[in-house]
Amino acid sequence: MNKKRNEISSQEILSEDESLNLKQAKNYFEKSKELNRKGKNKKALKLLNKSITMDPTNFAYYCVKIVYLRRMKKYRKESKVYDDIIKLDPNDSSLYLHKAEFLIYKLKNYELALDVINKGIAIDPKNETL
């Protein structure tokens, strides 16, 4: 019986730790946005990266990271963030479209954009926007 109590208490602690991490990630995210508004882009990005490390499945953090990187004209790094977003939901064909548009308009990499679009089509052949 004591063993069960210890197991439950360990699970509860883990849940509390996870909850604290999510709260801390959100705090870093909010501070990141404040810094970004003040034009402190590198510091903002650093805090945003901490948020992503603590809460790696939060889609919004990645989207904001794309905005920051675009403002800083760090297009190669931005491309990697699109890959991270696709890993979060590889079955969402619209994510492939967003990456392809980025590749076309920012990197002028039409060949890679076509490959990305084809991957999206393979996932959802009925998606007319691809």
N, C-alpha and C. Protein backbone atom coordinates (compact mmCIF):
# COMPACT_ATOMS: atom_id res chain seq x y z
N MET A 1 0.82 -1.20 0.00
CA MET A 1 0.00 0.00 0.00
C MET A 1 0.87 1.27 0.00
N ASN A 2 1.93 1.29 0.78
CA ASN A 2 2.82 2.45 0.80
C ASN A 2 3.47 2.66 -0.56
N LYS A 3 3.78 1.56 -1.21
CA LYS A 3 4.40 1.67 -2.53
C LYS A 3 3.48 2.41 -3.49
N LYS A 4 2.19 2.11 -3.46
CA LYS A 4 1.24 2.79 -4.33
C LYS A 4 1.18 4.28 -4.02
N ARG A 5 1.20 4.62 -2.75
CA ARG A 5 1.18 6.03 -2.36
C ARG A 5 2.40 6.75 -2.91
N ASN A 6 3.55 6.10 -2.83
CA ASN A 6 4.77 6.73 -3.34
C ASN A 6 4.71 6.91 -4.85
N GLU A 7 4.17 5.92 -5.54
CA GLU A 7 4.04 6.03 -6.99
C GLU A 7 3.11 7.17 -7.36
N ILE A 8 2.01 7.26 -6.67
CA ILE A 8 1.05 8.33 -6.96
C ILE A 8 1.68 9.68 -6.66
N SER A 9 2.38 9.77 -5.54
CA SER A 9 2.97 11.04 -5.18
C SER A 9 4.07 11.44 -6.18
N SER A 10 4.81 10.48 -6.71
CA SER A 10 5.81 10.78 -7.73
C SER A 10 5.15 11.31 -8.99
N GLN A 11 4.04 10.72 -9.37
CA GLN A 11 3.31 11.17 -10.56
C GLN A 11 2.76 12.58 -10.35
N GLU A 12 2.27 12.84 -9.13
CA GLU A 12 1.75 14.17 -8.84
C GLU A 12 2.86 15.21 -8.90
N ILE A 13 4.02 14.87 -8.37
CA ILE A 13 5.14 15.80 -8.41
C ILE A 13 5.55 16.07 -9.85
N LEU A 14 5.58 15.03 -10.65
CA LEU A 14 5.92 15.20 -12.06
C LEU A 14 4.93 16.14 -12.73
N SER A 15 3.66 15.96 -12.43
CA SER A 15 2.65 16.83 -13.02
C SER A 15 2.84 18.27 -12.56
N GLU A 16 3.19 18.46 -11.30
CA GLU A 16 3.44 19.81 -10.79
C GLU A 16 4.65 20.42 -11.47
N ASP A 17 5.71 19.62 -11.66
CA ASP A 17 6.91 20.11 -12.34
C ASP A 17 6.58 20.51 -13.78
N GLU A 18 5.82 19.68 -14.45
CA GLU A 18 5.44 19.98 -15.82
C GLU A 18 4.62 21.27 -15.87
N SER A 19 3.73 21.40 -14.93
CA SER A 19 2.89 22.60 -14.87
C SER A 19 3.74 23.84 -14.62
N LEU A 20 4.72 23.72 -13.74
CA LEU A 20 5.62 24.85 -13.48
C LEU A 20 6.43 25.19 -14.73
N ASN A 21 6.88 24.17 -15.44
CA ASN A 21 7.62 24.41 -16.68
C ASN A 21 6.76 25.15 -17.70
N LEU A 22 5.50 24.76 -17.81
CA LEU A 22 4.62 25.42 -18.77
C LEU A 22 4.39 26.88 -18.37
N LYS A 23 4.24 27.12 -17.07
CA LYS A 23 4.06 28.50 -16.60
C LYS A 23 5.32 29.31 -16.84
N GLN A 24 6.46 28.72 -16.54
CA GLN A 24 7.72 29.43 -16.77
C GLN A 24 7.93 29.69 -18.26
N ALA A 25 7.57 28.72 -19.09
CA ALA A 25 7.68 28.91 -20.54
C ALA A 25 6.82 30.08 -20.99
N LYS A 26 5.63 30.15 -20.45
CA LYS A 26 4.73 31.26 -20.81
C LYS A 26 5.30 32.60 -20.33
N ASN A 27 5.89 32.60 -19.14
CA ASN A 27 6.52 33.83 -18.63
C ASN A 27 7.65 34.28 -19.55
N TYR A 28 8.50 33.33 -19.97
CA TYR A 28 9.57 33.67 -20.89
C TYR A 28 9.00 34.20 -22.21
N PHE A 29 7.92 33.59 -22.65
CA PHE A 29 7.28 34.01 -23.89
C PHE A 29 6.79 35.46 -23.78
N GLU A 30 6.12 35.77 -22.68
CA GLU A 30 5.60 37.13 -22.49
C GLU A 30 6.74 38.14 -22.40
N LYS A 31 7.80 37.79 -21.68
CA LYS A 31 8.96 38.70 -21.58
C LYS A 31 9.62 38.86 -22.95
N SER A 32 9.62 37.79 -23.71
CA SER A 32 10.18 37.82 -25.06
C SER A 32 9.42 38.82 -25.92
N LYS A 33 8.10 38.80 -25.83
CA LYS A 33 7.29 39.74 -26.62
C LYS A 33 7.56 41.19 -26.20
N GLU A 34 7.73 41.42 -24.89
CA GLU A 34 8.05 42.77 -24.41
C GLU A 34 9.38 43.24 -24.99
N LEU A 35 10.39 42.38 -24.93
CA LEU A 35 11.70 42.73 -25.47
C LEU A 35 11.63 43.00 -26.96
N ASN A 36 10.87 42.19 -27.65
CA ASN A 36 10.71 42.36 -29.09
C ASN A 36 10.09 43.72 -29.41
N ARG A 37 9.07 44.10 -28.64
CA ARG A 37 8.43 45.41 -28.86
C ARG A 37 9.42 46.55 -28.65
N LYS A 38 10.39 46.34 -27.78
CA LYS A 38 11.41 47.36 -27.50
C LYS A 38 12.57 47.30 -28.50
N GLY A 39 12.49 46.38 -29.45
CA GLY A 39 13.53 46.27 -30.47
C GLY A 39 14.73 45.45 -30.04
N LYS A 40 14.62 44.75 -28.94
CA LYS A 40 15.73 43.91 -28.45
C LYS A 40 15.52 42.50 -28.96
N ASN A 41 15.73 42.37 -30.26
CA ASN A 41 15.38 41.13 -30.95
C ASN A 41 16.19 39.92 -30.51
N LYS A 42 17.48 40.08 -30.33
CA LYS A 42 18.32 38.93 -29.94
C LYS A 42 17.95 38.42 -28.56
N LYS A 43 17.72 39.33 -27.63
CA LYS A 43 17.31 38.92 -26.28
C LYS A 43 15.92 38.29 -26.31
N ALA A 44 15.05 38.85 -27.13
CA ALA A 44 13.70 38.31 -27.27
C ALA A 44 13.75 36.88 -27.80
N LEU A 45 14.59 36.67 -28.80
CA LEU A 45 14.72 35.34 -29.40
C LEU A 45 15.29 34.35 -28.39
N LYS A 46 16.23 34.80 -27.60
CA LYS A 46 16.84 33.92 -26.60
C LYS A 46 15.79 33.45 -25.58
N LEU A 47 14.94 34.36 -25.11
CA LEU A 47 13.89 33.96 -24.18
C LEU A 47 12.85 33.07 -24.85
N LEU A 48 12.54 33.38 -26.09
CA LEU A 48 11.59 32.55 -26.82
C LEU A 48 12.12 31.12 -26.99
N ASN A 49 13.41 31.00 -27.24
CA ASN A 49 14.02 29.67 -27.34
C ASN A 49 13.91 28.91 -26.02
N LYS A 50 14.01 29.61 -24.90
CA LYS A 50 13.82 28.97 -23.60
C LYS A 50 12.38 28.45 -23.48
N SER A 51 11.44 29.26 -23.95
CA SER A 51 10.03 28.83 -23.93
C SER A 51 9.85 27.55 -24.72
N ILE A 52 10.45 27.50 -25.88
CA ILE A 52 10.31 26.33 -26.75
C ILE A 52 10.96 25.12 -26.10
N THR A 53 12.10 25.32 -25.46
CA THR A 53 12.77 24.21 -24.78
C THR A 53 11.89 23.65 -23.66
N MET A 54 11.22 24.52 -22.95
CA MET A 54 10.38 24.09 -21.83
C MET A 54 9.02 23.55 -22.27
N ASP A 55 8.55 24.01 -23.39
CA ASP A 55 7.24 23.59 -23.90
C ASP A 55 7.35 23.37 -25.41
N PRO A 56 8.02 22.28 -25.80
CA PRO A 56 8.34 22.08 -27.22
C PRO A 56 7.16 21.74 -28.13
N THR A 57 5.98 21.61 -27.58
CA THR A 57 4.83 21.30 -28.43
C THR A 57 3.89 22.50 -28.60
N ASN A 58 4.30 23.65 -28.11
CA ASN A 58 3.46 24.85 -28.22
C ASN A 58 3.66 25.48 -29.60
N PHE A 59 2.70 25.28 -30.43
CA PHE A 59 2.74 25.74 -31.82
C PHE A 59 2.94 27.25 -31.90
N ALA A 60 2.29 27.99 -31.02
CA ALA A 60 2.36 29.46 -31.05
C ALA A 60 3.78 29.97 -30.88
N TYR A 61 4.56 29.32 -30.04
CA TYR A 61 5.94 29.76 -29.83
C TYR A 61 6.75 29.70 -31.12
N TYR A 62 6.54 28.64 -31.87
CA TYR A 62 7.26 28.48 -33.14
C TYR A 62 6.81 29.55 -34.15
N CYS A 63 5.54 29.84 -34.16
CA CYS A 63 5.03 30.86 -35.10
C CYS A 63 5.63 32.22 -34.78
N VAL A 64 5.72 32.56 -33.51
CA VAL A 64 6.31 33.83 -33.12
C VAL A 64 7.81 33.83 -33.44
N LYS A 65 8.45 32.69 -33.28
CA LYS A 65 9.87 32.59 -33.62
C LYS A 65 10.09 32.88 -35.10
N ILE A 66 9.20 32.42 -35.94
CA ILE A 66 9.29 32.71 -37.37
C ILE A 66 9.21 34.21 -37.61
N VAL A 67 8.31 34.88 -36.91
CA VAL A 67 8.17 36.33 -37.06
C VAL A 67 9.46 37.04 -36.64
N TYR A 68 10.00 36.65 -35.49
CA TYR A 68 11.25 37.27 -35.02
C TYR A 68 12.38 37.06 -36.02
N LEU A 69 12.54 35.83 -36.47
CA LEU A 69 13.64 35.52 -37.39
C LEU A 69 13.47 36.27 -38.72
N ARG A 70 12.24 36.40 -39.16
CA ARG A 70 12.00 37.12 -40.42
C ARG A 70 12.39 38.59 -40.26
N ARG A 71 12.02 39.18 -39.13
CA ARG A 71 12.39 40.58 -38.89
C ARG A 71 13.91 40.76 -38.85
N MET A 72 14.59 39.72 -38.36
CA MET A 72 16.05 39.78 -38.26
C MET A 72 16.73 39.33 -39.57
N LYS A 73 15.90 38.92 -40.54
CA LYS A 73 16.37 38.42 -41.84
C LYS A 73 17.27 37.19 -41.69
N LYS A 74 16.90 36.34 -40.76
CA LYS A 74 17.62 35.08 -40.52
C LYS A 74 16.83 33.96 -41.20
N TYR A 75 16.83 34.00 -42.51
CA TYR A 75 15.96 33.12 -43.28
C TYR A 75 16.35 31.64 -43.19
N ARG A 76 17.62 31.35 -43.11
CA ARG A 76 18.04 29.93 -43.00
C ARG A 76 17.54 29.34 -41.69
N LYS A 77 17.64 30.11 -40.62
CA LYS A 77 17.13 29.64 -39.33
C LYS A 77 15.61 29.52 -39.36
N GLU A 78 14.98 30.45 -40.04
CA GLU A 78 13.53 30.40 -40.17
C GLU A 78 13.09 29.12 -40.88
N SER A 79 13.84 28.73 -41.88
CA SER A 79 13.53 27.50 -42.61
C SER A 79 13.52 26.30 -41.68
N LYS A 80 14.47 26.26 -40.75
CA LYS A 80 14.53 25.15 -39.79
C LYS A 80 13.34 25.15 -38.85
N VAL A 81 12.83 26.34 -38.53
CA VAL A 81 11.66 26.41 -37.65
C VAL A 81 10.44 25.83 -38.36
N TYR A 82 10.33 26.07 -39.66
CA TYR A 82 9.24 25.44 -40.41
C TYR A 82 9.33 23.92 -40.32
N ASP A 83 10.55 23.39 -40.38
CA ASP A 83 10.72 21.94 -40.23
C ASP A 83 10.25 21.48 -38.85
N ASP A 84 10.57 22.26 -37.82
CA ASP A 84 10.14 21.92 -36.46
C ASP A 84 8.62 21.92 -36.34
N ILE A 85 8.00 22.90 -36.97
CA ILE A 85 6.53 22.98 -36.93
C ILE A 85 5.92 21.78 -37.64
N ILE A 86 6.47 21.42 -38.77
CA ILE A 86 5.96 20.26 -39.51
C ILE A 86 6.11 18.99 -38.67
N LYS A 87 7.19 18.88 -37.90
CA LYS A 87 7.37 17.71 -37.03
C LYS A 87 6.29 17.64 -35.96
N LEU A 88 5.78 18.81 -35.54
CA LEU A 88 4.71 18.82 -34.53
C LEU A 88 3.42 18.21 -35.07
N ASP A 89 3.16 18.46 -36.35
CA ASP A 89 1.94 17.93 -36.96
C ASP A 89 2.20 17.59 -38.43
N PRO A 90 2.90 16.48 -38.67
CA PRO A 90 3.29 16.13 -40.04
C PRO A 90 2.13 15.81 -40.97
N ASN A 91 0.95 15.65 -40.43
CA ASN A 91 -0.21 15.33 -41.27
C ASN A 91 -1.02 16.55 -41.67
N ASP A 92 -0.58 17.73 -41.26
CA ASP A 92 -1.26 18.97 -41.63
C ASP A 92 -0.64 19.49 -42.92
N SER A 93 -1.31 19.27 -44.01
CA SER A 93 -0.75 19.63 -45.32
C SER A 93 -0.58 21.14 -45.48
N SER A 94 -1.35 21.94 -44.74
CA SER A 94 -1.22 23.39 -44.88
C SER A 94 0.15 23.88 -44.40
N LEU A 95 0.77 23.15 -43.48
CA LEU A 95 2.10 23.54 -43.00
C LEU A 95 3.13 23.44 -44.11
N TYR A 96 2.95 22.47 -44.98
CA TYR A 96 3.85 22.32 -46.12
C TYR A 96 3.69 23.49 -47.09
N LEU A 97 2.46 23.94 -47.24
CA LEU A 97 2.21 25.10 -48.09
C LEU A 97 2.91 26.33 -47.54
N HIS A 98 2.81 26.57 -46.24
CA HIS A 98 3.46 27.73 -45.63
C HIS A 98 4.98 27.67 -45.83
N LYS A 99 5.54 26.49 -45.64
CA LYS A 99 6.99 26.37 -45.84
C LYS A 99 7.34 26.61 -47.30
N ALA A 100 6.55 26.08 -48.21
CA ALA A 100 6.83 26.26 -49.63
C ALA A 100 6.75 27.74 -50.02
N GLU A 101 5.75 28.45 -49.51
CA GLU A 101 5.64 29.88 -49.80
C GLU A 101 6.87 30.63 -49.29
N PHE A 102 7.32 30.27 -48.10
CA PHE A 102 8.52 30.88 -47.54
C PHE A 102 9.73 30.61 -48.45
N LEU A 103 9.86 29.37 -48.88
CA LEU A 103 10.99 29.00 -49.74
C LEU A 103 10.97 29.77 -51.06
N ILE A 104 9.79 29.99 -51.58
CA ILE A 104 9.66 30.71 -52.84
C ILE A 104 9.96 32.20 -52.66
N TYR A 105 9.29 32.83 -51.69
CA TYR A 105 9.36 34.28 -51.58
C TYR A 105 10.59 34.81 -50.85
N LYS A 106 11.13 34.03 -49.94
CA LYS A 106 12.28 34.52 -49.17
C LYS A 106 13.61 33.91 -49.61
N LEU A 107 13.62 32.64 -49.90
CA LEU A 107 14.88 31.99 -50.28
C LEU A 107 15.02 31.80 -51.79
N LYS A 108 13.93 32.01 -52.52
CA LYS A 108 13.94 31.82 -53.98
C LYS A 108 14.39 30.41 -54.36
N ASN A 109 14.06 29.45 -53.49
CA ASN A 109 14.45 28.06 -53.73
C ASN A 109 13.23 27.31 -54.26
N TYR A 110 13.03 27.41 -55.55
CA TYR A 110 11.83 26.86 -56.19
C TYR A 110 11.84 25.34 -56.22
N GLU A 111 13.01 24.77 -56.39
CA GLU A 111 13.12 23.31 -56.44
C GLU A 111 12.71 22.69 -55.10
N LEU A 112 13.26 23.21 -54.02
CA LEU A 112 12.91 22.70 -52.70
C LEU A 112 11.45 22.97 -52.38
N ALA A 113 10.96 24.13 -52.80
CA ALA A 113 9.54 24.45 -52.59
C ALA A 113 8.65 23.42 -53.26
N LEU A 114 9.00 23.02 -54.47
CA LEU A 114 8.23 22.01 -55.19
C LEU A 114 8.25 20.68 -54.45
N ASP A 115 9.41 20.30 -53.92
CA ASP A 115 9.51 19.07 -53.14
C ASP A 115 8.59 19.13 -51.92
N VAL A 116 8.59 20.27 -51.24
CA VAL A 116 7.76 20.44 -50.04
C VAL A 116 6.28 20.36 -50.42
N ILE A 117 5.90 21.00 -51.51
CA ILE A 117 4.51 20.95 -51.96
C ILE A 117 4.12 19.50 -52.30
N ASN A 118 5.00 18.78 -52.94
CA ASN A 118 4.71 17.39 -53.27
C ASN A 118 4.52 16.54 -52.02
N LYS A 119 5.28 16.82 -50.97
CA LYS A 119 5.08 16.11 -49.70
C LYS A 119 3.71 16.42 -49.14
N GLY A 120 3.31 17.69 -49.21
CA GLY A 120 1.98 18.07 -48.74
C GLY A 120 0.88 17.40 -49.53
N ILE A 121 1.06 17.32 -50.84
CA ILE A 121 0.07 16.66 -51.70
C ILE A 121 -0.02 15.18 -51.38
N ALA A 122 1.11 14.56 -51.09
CA ALA A 122 1.11 13.13 -50.73
C ALA A 122 0.30 12.89 -49.46
N ILE A 123 0.32 13.86 -48.57
CA ILE A 123 -0.43 13.72 -47.31
C ILE A 123 -1.91 13.97 -47.53
N ASP A 124 -2.21 14.99 -48.35
CA ASP A 124 -3.61 15.36 -48.57
C ASP A 124 -3.83 15.70 -50.04
N PRO A 125 -4.03 14.67 -50.87
CA PRO A 125 -4.18 14.90 -52.31
C PRO A 125 -5.39 15.77 -52.69
N LYS A 126 -6.34 15.92 -51.77
CA LYS A 126 -7.53 16.70 -52.07
C LYS A 126 -7.39 18.17 -51.69
N ASN A 127 -6.28 18.54 -51.12
CA ASN A 127 -6.04 19.93 -50.72
C ASN A 127 -5.78 20.75 -51.99
N GLU A 128 -6.75 21.54 -52.38
CA GLU A 128 -6.66 22.30 -53.63
C GLU A 128 -5.69 23.47 -53.55
N THR A 129 -5.34 23.91 -52.34
CA THR A 129 -4.41 25.04 -52.24
C THR A 129 -2.97 24.61 -52.53
N LEU A 130 -2.71 23.32 -52.45
CA LEU A 130 -1.37 22.83 -52.78
C LEU A 130 -1.28 22.62 -54.28
